[in-house]
N, C-alpha and C. Protein backbone atom coordinates (compact mmCIF):
# COMPACT_ATOMS: atom_id res chain seq x y z
N UNK A 1 15.74 -1.64 5.43
CA UNK A 1 16.63 -0.55 5.79
C UNK A 1 15.89 0.53 6.58
N UNK A 2 14.69 0.88 6.15
CA UNK A 2 13.93 1.94 6.83
C UNK A 2 13.01 1.38 7.92
N UNK A 3 12.94 0.05 8.02
CA UNK A 3 12.09 -0.63 9.00
C UNK A 3 10.61 -0.28 8.79
N UNK A 4 10.27 0.03 7.57
CA UNK A 4 8.89 0.31 7.15
C UNK A 4 8.70 -0.29 5.77
N UNK A 5 7.47 -0.63 5.41
CA UNK A 5 7.24 -1.15 4.06
C UNK A 5 7.45 -0.05 3.02
N UNK A 6 7.98 -0.43 1.86
CA UNK A 6 8.14 0.52 0.76
C UNK A 6 6.87 0.59 -0.08
N UNK A 7 6.07 -0.47 -0.03
CA UNK A 7 4.81 -0.49 -0.76
C UNK A 7 3.94 -1.62 -0.25
N UNK A 8 2.68 -1.55 -0.57
CA UNK A 8 1.72 -2.64 -0.35
C UNK A 8 0.81 -2.66 -1.57
N UNK A 9 0.34 -3.83 -1.92
CA UNK A 9 -0.60 -3.97 -3.02
C UNK A 9 -1.76 -4.83 -2.54
N UNK A 10 -2.95 -4.45 -2.93
CA UNK A 10 -4.13 -5.22 -2.55
C UNK A 10 -5.23 -5.02 -3.57
N UNK A 11 -6.16 -5.98 -3.59
CA UNK A 11 -7.27 -5.97 -4.53
C UNK A 11 -8.56 -5.75 -3.77
N UNK A 12 -9.42 -4.91 -4.30
CA UNK A 12 -10.74 -4.69 -3.74
C UNK A 12 -11.78 -5.02 -4.80
N UNK A 13 -12.90 -5.55 -4.35
CA UNK A 13 -13.98 -5.90 -5.26
C UNK A 13 -15.26 -5.20 -4.82
N UNK A 14 -16.22 -5.20 -5.72
CA UNK A 14 -17.53 -4.65 -5.40
C UNK A 14 -18.19 -5.57 -4.37
N UNK A 15 -18.53 -5.02 -3.25
CA UNK A 15 -19.15 -5.79 -2.18
C UNK A 15 -20.59 -5.32 -2.02
N UNK A 16 -21.52 -6.21 -2.21
CA UNK A 16 -22.93 -5.82 -2.12
C UNK A 16 -23.49 -5.95 -0.71
N UNK A 17 -22.78 -6.63 0.17
CA UNK A 17 -23.26 -6.82 1.54
C UNK A 17 -23.21 -5.51 2.32
N UNK A 18 -24.24 -5.29 3.12
CA UNK A 18 -24.24 -4.12 4.01
C UNK A 18 -23.66 -4.46 5.38
N UNK A 19 -23.16 -5.69 5.52
CA UNK A 19 -22.61 -6.11 6.80
C UNK A 19 -21.39 -5.26 7.16
N UNK A 20 -21.37 -4.80 8.38
CA UNK A 20 -20.26 -3.97 8.85
C UNK A 20 -19.09 -4.86 9.26
N UNK A 21 -17.87 -4.45 8.95
CA UNK A 21 -16.71 -5.22 9.41
C UNK A 21 -16.65 -5.23 10.94
N UNK A 22 -15.96 -6.21 11.48
CA UNK A 22 -15.79 -6.30 12.93
C UNK A 22 -15.01 -5.09 13.43
N UNK A 23 -15.02 -4.92 14.73
CA UNK A 23 -14.27 -3.82 15.34
C UNK A 23 -12.79 -3.98 15.01
N UNK A 24 -12.10 -2.87 14.98
CA UNK A 24 -10.65 -2.88 14.72
C UNK A 24 -9.93 -3.70 15.78
N UNK A 25 -8.81 -4.25 15.38
CA UNK A 25 -7.96 -4.97 16.33
C UNK A 25 -7.47 -3.99 17.39
N UNK A 26 -7.19 -4.49 18.56
CA UNK A 26 -6.74 -3.62 19.65
C UNK A 26 -5.24 -3.37 19.62
N UNK A 27 -4.49 -4.22 18.90
CA UNK A 27 -3.05 -4.04 18.90
C UNK A 27 -2.45 -4.39 17.54
N UNK A 28 -1.28 -3.86 17.31
CA UNK A 28 -0.51 -4.15 16.11
C UNK A 28 0.57 -5.16 16.52
N UNK A 29 0.83 -6.12 15.64
CA UNK A 29 1.78 -7.18 15.97
C UNK A 29 2.97 -7.16 15.03
N UNK A 30 4.15 -7.56 15.53
CA UNK A 30 5.30 -7.67 14.63
C UNK A 30 5.02 -8.75 13.59
N UNK A 31 5.56 -8.58 12.41
CA UNK A 31 5.43 -9.58 11.36
C UNK A 31 6.68 -10.45 11.43
N UNK A 32 6.52 -11.66 11.90
CA UNK A 32 7.66 -12.58 12.11
C UNK A 32 8.34 -12.97 10.80
N UNK A 33 7.71 -12.66 9.66
CA UNK A 33 8.30 -13.00 8.36
C UNK A 33 9.33 -11.96 7.92
N UNK A 34 9.41 -10.84 8.61
CA UNK A 34 10.33 -9.77 8.18
C UNK A 34 11.60 -9.78 9.03
N UNK A 35 12.65 -9.22 8.48
CA UNK A 35 13.90 -9.14 9.24
C UNK A 35 13.93 -7.93 10.17
N UNK A 36 13.13 -6.90 9.89
CA UNK A 36 13.15 -5.67 10.70
C UNK A 36 12.59 -5.89 12.10
N UNK A 37 11.57 -6.72 12.24
CA UNK A 37 10.96 -7.00 13.54
C UNK A 37 10.55 -5.73 14.29
N UNK A 38 9.86 -4.84 13.59
CA UNK A 38 9.35 -3.62 14.20
C UNK A 38 8.20 -4.00 15.14
N UNK A 39 8.18 -3.36 16.30
CA UNK A 39 7.12 -3.60 17.27
C UNK A 39 6.28 -2.35 17.44
N UNK A 40 5.06 -2.54 17.89
CA UNK A 40 4.13 -1.44 18.07
C UNK A 40 4.67 -0.39 19.04
N UNK A 41 5.38 -0.83 20.07
CA UNK A 41 5.87 0.12 21.07
C UNK A 41 6.93 1.07 20.52
N UNK A 42 7.48 0.79 19.33
CA UNK A 42 8.43 1.73 18.72
C UNK A 42 7.73 2.98 18.20
N UNK A 43 6.39 2.98 18.20
CA UNK A 43 5.59 4.13 17.82
C UNK A 43 4.99 4.84 19.04
N UNK A 44 4.98 4.18 20.18
CA UNK A 44 4.33 4.71 21.38
C UNK A 44 4.92 6.06 21.77
N UNK A 45 4.04 7.01 22.06
CA UNK A 45 4.41 8.38 22.47
C UNK A 45 5.29 9.10 21.44
N UNK A 46 5.18 8.71 20.17
CA UNK A 46 5.99 9.34 19.13
C UNK A 46 5.29 10.55 18.51
N UNK A 47 3.96 10.64 18.73
CA UNK A 47 3.19 11.70 18.09
C UNK A 47 2.67 11.30 16.72
N UNK A 48 2.92 10.05 16.30
CA UNK A 48 2.48 9.56 14.99
C UNK A 48 1.59 8.34 15.15
N UNK A 49 0.61 8.24 14.25
CA UNK A 49 -0.24 7.05 14.19
C UNK A 49 0.53 5.91 13.54
N UNK A 50 0.07 4.71 13.81
CA UNK A 50 0.51 3.53 13.07
C UNK A 50 -0.39 3.48 11.84
N UNK A 51 0.04 4.09 10.76
CA UNK A 51 -0.80 4.26 9.57
C UNK A 51 -0.76 3.04 8.67
N UNK A 52 -1.94 2.52 8.35
CA UNK A 52 -2.05 1.38 7.44
C UNK A 52 -1.72 1.78 6.00
N UNK A 53 -1.03 0.90 5.29
CA UNK A 53 -0.94 1.05 3.84
C UNK A 53 -2.13 0.34 3.21
N UNK A 54 -2.26 -0.98 3.43
CA UNK A 54 -3.46 -1.69 2.98
C UNK A 54 -4.56 -1.39 3.99
N UNK A 55 -5.63 -0.82 3.53
CA UNK A 55 -6.71 -0.33 4.38
C UNK A 55 -7.40 -1.45 5.17
N UNK A 56 -7.40 -1.31 6.48
CA UNK A 56 -8.05 -2.29 7.36
C UNK A 56 -9.54 -2.43 7.05
N UNK A 57 -10.23 -1.32 6.95
CA UNK A 57 -11.67 -1.34 6.71
C UNK A 57 -12.00 -2.00 5.37
N UNK A 58 -11.29 -1.61 4.32
CA UNK A 58 -11.56 -2.15 2.99
C UNK A 58 -11.27 -3.64 2.91
N UNK A 59 -10.16 -4.06 3.48
CA UNK A 59 -9.81 -5.48 3.47
C UNK A 59 -10.86 -6.27 4.25
N UNK A 60 -11.30 -5.75 5.39
CA UNK A 60 -12.33 -6.44 6.17
C UNK A 60 -13.63 -6.54 5.38
N UNK A 61 -14.00 -5.47 4.71
CA UNK A 61 -15.26 -5.46 3.97
C UNK A 61 -15.23 -6.45 2.81
N UNK A 62 -14.08 -6.58 2.14
CA UNK A 62 -13.99 -7.49 0.99
C UNK A 62 -13.66 -8.93 1.36
N UNK A 63 -12.82 -9.10 2.39
CA UNK A 63 -12.27 -10.43 2.63
C UNK A 63 -12.52 -10.98 4.03
N UNK A 64 -13.16 -10.21 4.91
CA UNK A 64 -13.53 -10.73 6.21
C UNK A 64 -12.54 -10.38 7.32
N UNK A 65 -12.91 -10.80 8.51
CA UNK A 65 -12.18 -10.41 9.71
C UNK A 65 -10.79 -11.03 9.80
N UNK A 66 -10.62 -12.27 9.35
CA UNK A 66 -9.29 -12.89 9.41
C UNK A 66 -8.31 -12.11 8.54
N UNK A 67 -8.75 -11.71 7.35
CA UNK A 67 -7.89 -10.90 6.48
C UNK A 67 -7.62 -9.53 7.10
N UNK A 68 -8.63 -8.96 7.76
CA UNK A 68 -8.44 -7.67 8.41
C UNK A 68 -7.33 -7.73 9.45
N UNK A 69 -7.24 -8.82 10.19
CA UNK A 69 -6.21 -8.95 11.22
C UNK A 69 -4.81 -8.86 10.61
N UNK A 70 -4.66 -9.33 9.35
CA UNK A 70 -3.37 -9.25 8.68
C UNK A 70 -2.94 -7.79 8.45
N UNK A 71 -3.90 -6.88 8.35
CA UNK A 71 -3.54 -5.48 8.14
C UNK A 71 -2.95 -4.85 9.39
N UNK A 72 -3.07 -5.53 10.53
CA UNK A 72 -2.53 -5.01 11.79
C UNK A 72 -1.14 -5.55 12.09
N UNK A 73 -0.49 -6.12 11.07
CA UNK A 73 0.92 -6.48 11.21
C UNK A 73 1.75 -5.23 10.95
N UNK A 74 2.83 -5.09 11.68
CA UNK A 74 3.67 -3.90 11.57
C UNK A 74 4.32 -3.77 10.18
N UNK A 75 4.33 -4.84 9.40
CA UNK A 75 4.85 -4.76 8.03
C UNK A 75 3.90 -4.03 7.09
N UNK A 76 2.74 -3.61 7.60
CA UNK A 76 1.76 -2.84 6.82
C UNK A 76 1.63 -1.43 7.38
N UNK A 77 2.57 -1.02 8.20
CA UNK A 77 2.43 0.22 8.97
C UNK A 77 3.58 1.18 8.69
N UNK A 78 3.23 2.47 8.55
CA UNK A 78 4.22 3.55 8.44
C UNK A 78 3.77 4.70 9.34
N UNK A 79 4.70 5.53 9.79
CA UNK A 79 4.30 6.68 10.62
C UNK A 79 3.45 7.66 9.82
N UNK A 80 2.30 8.01 10.39
CA UNK A 80 1.43 9.02 9.77
C UNK A 80 0.94 9.98 10.84
N UNK A 81 0.95 11.26 10.51
CA UNK A 81 0.34 12.25 11.41
C UNK A 81 -1.15 11.91 11.51
N UNK A 82 -1.73 12.10 12.69
CA UNK A 82 -3.12 11.73 12.90
C UNK A 82 -4.05 12.52 11.96
N UNK A 83 -3.80 13.82 11.80
CA UNK A 83 -4.67 14.63 10.93
C UNK A 83 -4.65 14.11 9.50
N UNK A 84 -3.52 13.64 9.03
CA UNK A 84 -3.40 13.06 7.69
C UNK A 84 -4.13 11.72 7.63
N UNK A 85 -3.83 10.84 8.59
CA UNK A 85 -4.39 9.49 8.63
C UNK A 85 -5.92 9.51 8.73
N UNK A 86 -6.46 10.37 9.57
CA UNK A 86 -7.91 10.44 9.79
C UNK A 86 -8.58 11.42 8.83
N UNK A 87 -7.79 12.10 8.01
CA UNK A 87 -8.33 13.11 7.11
C UNK A 87 -8.28 12.67 5.65
N UNK A 88 -7.39 13.27 4.88
CA UNK A 88 -7.36 13.06 3.43
C UNK A 88 -7.04 11.61 3.07
N UNK A 89 -6.19 10.94 3.86
CA UNK A 89 -5.84 9.54 3.58
C UNK A 89 -7.06 8.64 3.75
N UNK A 90 -7.79 8.85 4.84
CA UNK A 90 -9.02 8.07 5.08
C UNK A 90 -10.04 8.35 3.99
N UNK A 91 -10.12 9.59 3.56
CA UNK A 91 -11.05 9.96 2.49
C UNK A 91 -10.76 9.17 1.22
N UNK A 92 -9.48 9.04 0.87
CA UNK A 92 -9.11 8.28 -0.33
C UNK A 92 -9.41 6.80 -0.13
N UNK A 93 -9.13 6.26 1.05
CA UNK A 93 -9.44 4.86 1.33
C UNK A 93 -10.95 4.59 1.20
N UNK A 94 -11.76 5.52 1.66
CA UNK A 94 -13.22 5.33 1.57
C UNK A 94 -13.69 5.40 0.10
N UNK A 95 -13.06 6.24 -0.70
CA UNK A 95 -13.40 6.29 -2.13
C UNK A 95 -13.03 4.98 -2.82
N UNK A 96 -11.90 4.39 -2.43
CA UNK A 96 -11.49 3.11 -3.02
C UNK A 96 -12.59 2.06 -2.87
N UNK A 97 -13.08 1.88 -1.66
CA UNK A 97 -14.02 0.80 -1.38
C UNK A 97 -15.46 1.18 -1.70
N UNK A 98 -15.83 2.43 -1.52
CA UNK A 98 -17.24 2.82 -1.69
C UNK A 98 -17.58 3.40 -3.06
N UNK A 99 -16.58 3.87 -3.80
CA UNK A 99 -16.84 4.47 -5.12
C UNK A 99 -16.15 3.70 -6.24
N UNK A 100 -14.81 3.57 -6.16
CA UNK A 100 -14.06 2.99 -7.27
C UNK A 100 -14.32 1.49 -7.43
N UNK A 101 -14.28 0.72 -6.34
CA UNK A 101 -14.50 -0.74 -6.46
C UNK A 101 -15.89 -1.06 -7.01
N UNK A 102 -16.97 -0.43 -6.50
CA UNK A 102 -18.28 -0.72 -7.08
C UNK A 102 -18.41 -0.32 -8.56
N UNK A 103 -17.80 0.79 -8.91
CA UNK A 103 -17.88 1.27 -10.29
C UNK A 103 -17.11 0.36 -11.25
N UNK A 104 -16.02 -0.22 -10.77
CA UNK A 104 -15.15 -1.01 -11.64
C UNK A 104 -15.25 -2.52 -11.41
N UNK A 105 -15.98 -2.96 -10.43
CA UNK A 105 -16.12 -4.35 -10.00
C UNK A 105 -14.89 -4.89 -9.29
N UNK A 106 -13.70 -4.55 -9.76
CA UNK A 106 -12.47 -5.02 -9.14
C UNK A 106 -11.36 -4.02 -9.44
N UNK A 107 -10.63 -3.63 -8.41
CA UNK A 107 -9.50 -2.71 -8.59
C UNK A 107 -8.30 -3.24 -7.82
N UNK A 108 -7.13 -2.84 -8.28
CA UNK A 108 -5.89 -3.10 -7.57
C UNK A 108 -5.35 -1.77 -7.08
N UNK A 109 -4.81 -1.77 -5.87
CA UNK A 109 -4.20 -0.56 -5.31
C UNK A 109 -2.75 -0.88 -4.97
N UNK A 110 -1.86 -0.02 -5.38
CA UNK A 110 -0.45 -0.08 -4.98
C UNK A 110 -0.21 1.21 -4.22
N UNK A 111 0.32 1.11 -3.03
CA UNK A 111 0.44 2.29 -2.17
C UNK A 111 1.70 2.21 -1.33
N UNK A 112 2.22 3.36 -0.96
CA UNK A 112 3.41 3.37 -0.13
C UNK A 112 3.85 4.76 0.28
N UNK A 113 4.90 4.80 1.07
CA UNK A 113 5.46 6.07 1.53
C UNK A 113 6.46 6.64 0.52
N UNK A 114 6.66 7.94 0.61
CA UNK A 114 7.72 8.61 -0.15
C UNK A 114 8.61 9.30 0.87
N UNK A 115 9.89 8.97 0.82
CA UNK A 115 10.86 9.54 1.76
C UNK A 115 11.70 10.60 1.06
N UNK A 116 12.13 11.61 1.80
CA UNK A 116 13.05 12.59 1.20
C UNK A 116 14.42 11.93 0.96
N UNK A 117 15.21 12.52 0.08
CA UNK A 117 16.54 11.95 -0.20
C UNK A 117 17.41 11.96 1.06
N UNK A 118 17.21 12.94 1.91
CA UNK A 118 17.89 12.98 3.21
C UNK A 118 16.80 12.95 4.28
N UNK A 119 16.83 11.94 5.14
CA UNK A 119 15.81 11.80 6.18
C UNK A 119 15.95 12.94 7.18
N UNK A 120 14.86 13.69 7.36
CA UNK A 120 14.89 14.83 8.28
C UNK A 120 14.01 14.61 9.50
N UNK A 121 13.06 13.68 9.41
CA UNK A 121 12.18 13.39 10.55
C UNK A 121 12.18 11.90 10.81
N UNK A 122 12.24 11.54 12.09
CA UNK A 122 12.19 10.13 12.47
C UNK A 122 11.53 10.02 13.83
N UNK A 123 10.95 8.85 14.08
CA UNK A 123 10.42 8.57 15.41
C UNK A 123 11.59 8.46 16.38
N UNK A 124 11.34 8.58 17.69
CA UNK A 124 12.42 8.39 18.65
C UNK A 124 13.13 7.04 18.48
N UNK A 125 12.42 6.04 17.96
CA UNK A 125 13.00 4.72 17.72
C UNK A 125 13.88 4.68 16.47
N UNK A 126 13.92 5.78 15.72
CA UNK A 126 14.74 5.86 14.51
C UNK A 126 14.01 5.53 13.23
N UNK A 127 12.75 5.13 13.31
CA UNK A 127 11.98 4.83 12.10
C UNK A 127 11.70 6.15 11.38
N UNK A 128 12.11 6.27 10.11
CA UNK A 128 11.93 7.54 9.40
C UNK A 128 10.46 7.85 9.10
N UNK A 129 10.16 9.13 9.06
CA UNK A 129 8.80 9.60 8.78
C UNK A 129 8.74 10.03 7.31
N UNK A 130 7.80 9.47 6.54
CA UNK A 130 7.68 9.85 5.13
C UNK A 130 7.29 11.32 4.95
N UNK A 131 7.69 11.89 3.80
CA UNK A 131 7.29 13.26 3.48
C UNK A 131 5.97 13.28 2.71
N UNK A 132 5.61 12.13 2.11
CA UNK A 132 4.38 12.02 1.32
C UNK A 132 4.02 10.54 1.19
N UNK A 133 2.86 10.30 0.59
CA UNK A 133 2.38 8.93 0.35
C UNK A 133 1.79 8.89 -1.06
N UNK A 134 1.84 7.71 -1.66
CA UNK A 134 1.27 7.55 -3.00
C UNK A 134 0.27 6.41 -3.02
N UNK A 135 -0.63 6.49 -3.98
CA UNK A 135 -1.56 5.41 -4.29
C UNK A 135 -1.73 5.38 -5.79
N UNK A 136 -1.69 4.16 -6.32
CA UNK A 136 -2.01 3.92 -7.73
C UNK A 136 -3.21 2.99 -7.73
N UNK A 137 -4.25 3.38 -8.41
CA UNK A 137 -5.47 2.57 -8.49
C UNK A 137 -5.62 2.11 -9.93
N UNK A 138 -5.72 0.79 -10.11
CA UNK A 138 -5.77 0.18 -11.43
C UNK A 138 -7.02 -0.66 -11.61
N UNK A 139 -7.54 -0.66 -12.83
CA UNK A 139 -8.58 -1.61 -13.18
C UNK A 139 -8.42 -1.97 -14.65
N UNK A 140 -9.10 -3.05 -15.04
CA UNK A 140 -9.05 -3.50 -16.42
C UNK A 140 -10.48 -3.66 -16.92
N UNK A 141 -10.78 -3.00 -18.01
CA UNK A 141 -12.10 -3.07 -18.64
C UNK A 141 -11.90 -3.47 -20.10
N UNK A 142 -12.53 -4.55 -20.50
CA UNK A 142 -12.45 -5.02 -21.89
C UNK A 142 -11.00 -5.12 -22.37
N UNK A 143 -10.12 -5.63 -21.51
CA UNK A 143 -8.73 -5.81 -21.88
C UNK A 143 -7.89 -4.55 -21.87
N UNK A 144 -8.48 -3.44 -21.45
CA UNK A 144 -7.74 -2.16 -21.40
C UNK A 144 -7.46 -1.80 -19.95
N UNK A 145 -6.21 -1.49 -19.66
CA UNK A 145 -5.80 -1.10 -18.32
C UNK A 145 -6.03 0.39 -18.13
N UNK A 146 -6.64 0.74 -17.00
CA UNK A 146 -6.83 2.15 -16.64
C UNK A 146 -6.14 2.37 -15.30
N UNK A 147 -5.59 3.57 -15.13
CA UNK A 147 -4.88 3.87 -13.88
C UNK A 147 -5.16 5.31 -13.46
N UNK A 148 -5.13 5.48 -12.15
CA UNK A 148 -5.25 6.81 -11.53
C UNK A 148 -4.20 6.82 -10.41
N UNK A 149 -3.45 7.89 -10.30
CA UNK A 149 -2.37 7.94 -9.32
C UNK A 149 -2.43 9.23 -8.51
N UNK A 150 -2.05 9.11 -7.24
CA UNK A 150 -2.06 10.24 -6.31
C UNK A 150 -0.75 10.30 -5.56
N UNK A 151 -0.29 11.50 -5.30
CA UNK A 151 0.74 11.76 -4.28
C UNK A 151 0.12 12.77 -3.34
N UNK A 152 0.11 12.40 -2.06
CA UNK A 152 -0.44 13.29 -1.04
C UNK A 152 0.68 13.61 -0.06
N UNK A 153 0.99 14.90 0.03
CA UNK A 153 2.02 15.33 0.96
C UNK A 153 1.58 15.02 2.39
N UNK A 154 2.53 14.66 3.23
CA UNK A 154 2.21 14.28 4.62
C UNK A 154 1.63 15.46 5.41
N UNK A 155 2.02 16.65 5.04
CA UNK A 155 1.49 17.85 5.69
C UNK A 155 0.74 18.69 4.67
N UNK A 156 -0.39 18.18 4.15
CA UNK A 156 -1.09 18.93 3.09
C UNK A 156 -1.73 20.20 3.65
N UNK A 157 -1.92 21.16 2.75
CA UNK A 157 -2.68 22.34 3.12
C UNK A 157 -4.08 21.89 3.52
N UNK A 158 -4.70 22.58 4.45
CA UNK A 158 -6.02 22.18 4.95
C UNK A 158 -7.07 22.07 3.84
N UNK A 159 -6.98 22.94 2.84
CA UNK A 159 -7.98 22.95 1.78
C UNK A 159 -7.64 21.99 0.61
N UNK A 160 -6.59 21.19 0.74
CA UNK A 160 -6.21 20.27 -0.32
C UNK A 160 -7.32 19.27 -0.60
N UNK A 161 -7.66 19.14 -1.89
CA UNK A 161 -8.65 18.15 -2.32
C UNK A 161 -7.91 16.99 -2.99
N UNK A 162 -8.55 15.83 -3.02
CA UNK A 162 -7.93 14.68 -3.68
C UNK A 162 -7.59 14.98 -5.13
N UNK A 163 -8.44 15.72 -5.80
CA UNK A 163 -8.18 16.06 -7.21
C UNK A 163 -6.90 16.89 -7.37
N UNK A 164 -6.51 17.62 -6.32
CA UNK A 164 -5.26 18.39 -6.36
C UNK A 164 -4.04 17.48 -6.32
N UNK A 165 -4.23 16.22 -5.92
CA UNK A 165 -3.13 15.29 -5.68
C UNK A 165 -2.93 14.30 -6.83
N UNK A 166 -3.72 14.41 -7.89
CA UNK A 166 -3.56 13.51 -9.04
C UNK A 166 -2.22 13.76 -9.72
N UNK A 167 -1.50 12.67 -10.03
CA UNK A 167 -0.19 12.76 -10.67
C UNK A 167 -0.07 11.61 -11.67
N UNK A 168 1.03 11.59 -12.39
CA UNK A 168 1.31 10.46 -13.27
C UNK A 168 2.04 9.37 -12.47
N UNK A 169 1.96 8.15 -12.97
CA UNK A 169 2.72 7.06 -12.35
C UNK A 169 4.21 7.36 -12.48
N UNK A 170 4.61 7.99 -13.58
CA UNK A 170 6.02 8.38 -13.75
C UNK A 170 6.49 9.27 -12.61
N UNK A 171 5.63 10.17 -12.15
CA UNK A 171 6.00 11.05 -11.03
C UNK A 171 6.23 10.24 -9.76
N UNK A 172 5.39 9.25 -9.51
CA UNK A 172 5.58 8.38 -8.34
C UNK A 172 6.91 7.63 -8.46
N UNK A 173 7.17 7.08 -9.65
CA UNK A 173 8.43 6.35 -9.85
C UNK A 173 9.62 7.27 -9.62
N UNK A 174 9.54 8.49 -10.08
CA UNK A 174 10.62 9.47 -9.92
C UNK A 174 10.87 9.77 -8.44
N UNK A 175 9.79 9.96 -7.68
CA UNK A 175 9.95 10.33 -6.26
C UNK A 175 10.32 9.15 -5.36
N UNK A 176 9.95 7.94 -5.76
CA UNK A 176 10.24 6.77 -4.92
C UNK A 176 11.47 5.99 -5.35
N UNK A 177 11.86 6.11 -6.61
CA UNK A 177 12.93 5.28 -7.14
C UNK A 177 12.48 3.87 -7.47
N UNK A 178 11.18 3.61 -7.36
CA UNK A 178 10.61 2.30 -7.68
C UNK A 178 10.12 2.31 -9.13
N UNK A 179 10.13 1.16 -9.76
CA UNK A 179 9.62 1.03 -11.14
C UNK A 179 8.37 0.15 -11.09
């Protein structure tokens, strides 16, 4: 309906290799498995980045270049302001792969956009712009599930820290309507 993914889930593991992932793909491709058939040009000159839900860098580091190419399908993309995408969102993605995965050996991330009840911003192509984004980071230690959840507003205050964005999973469910 929104021509954007409602969520993505992926697993990251502790990677001991210092090998750098390959260069980013040059283009985003439509995902032929979806009915929306969103194309990269629907974002062109919109003022918004093609923001990854499943992190390209992290997937490449854990699973290699072929897996990284899958992150450049439009079914993994939502509109993100560049300052958000290259700022606090990237900071959280780097913590996932460089801090949380090594500390926990293996983590699962569930992430997605949060839309207002009435869409107020959209790309010229009609794709709605989220008001916020969420991430839930899960791990299991000795049979016990641990979780950490974030909601980051799309237009955060400049001084916003990740710790300011910690929320309950219930809050994410309330704002997204997902269970």
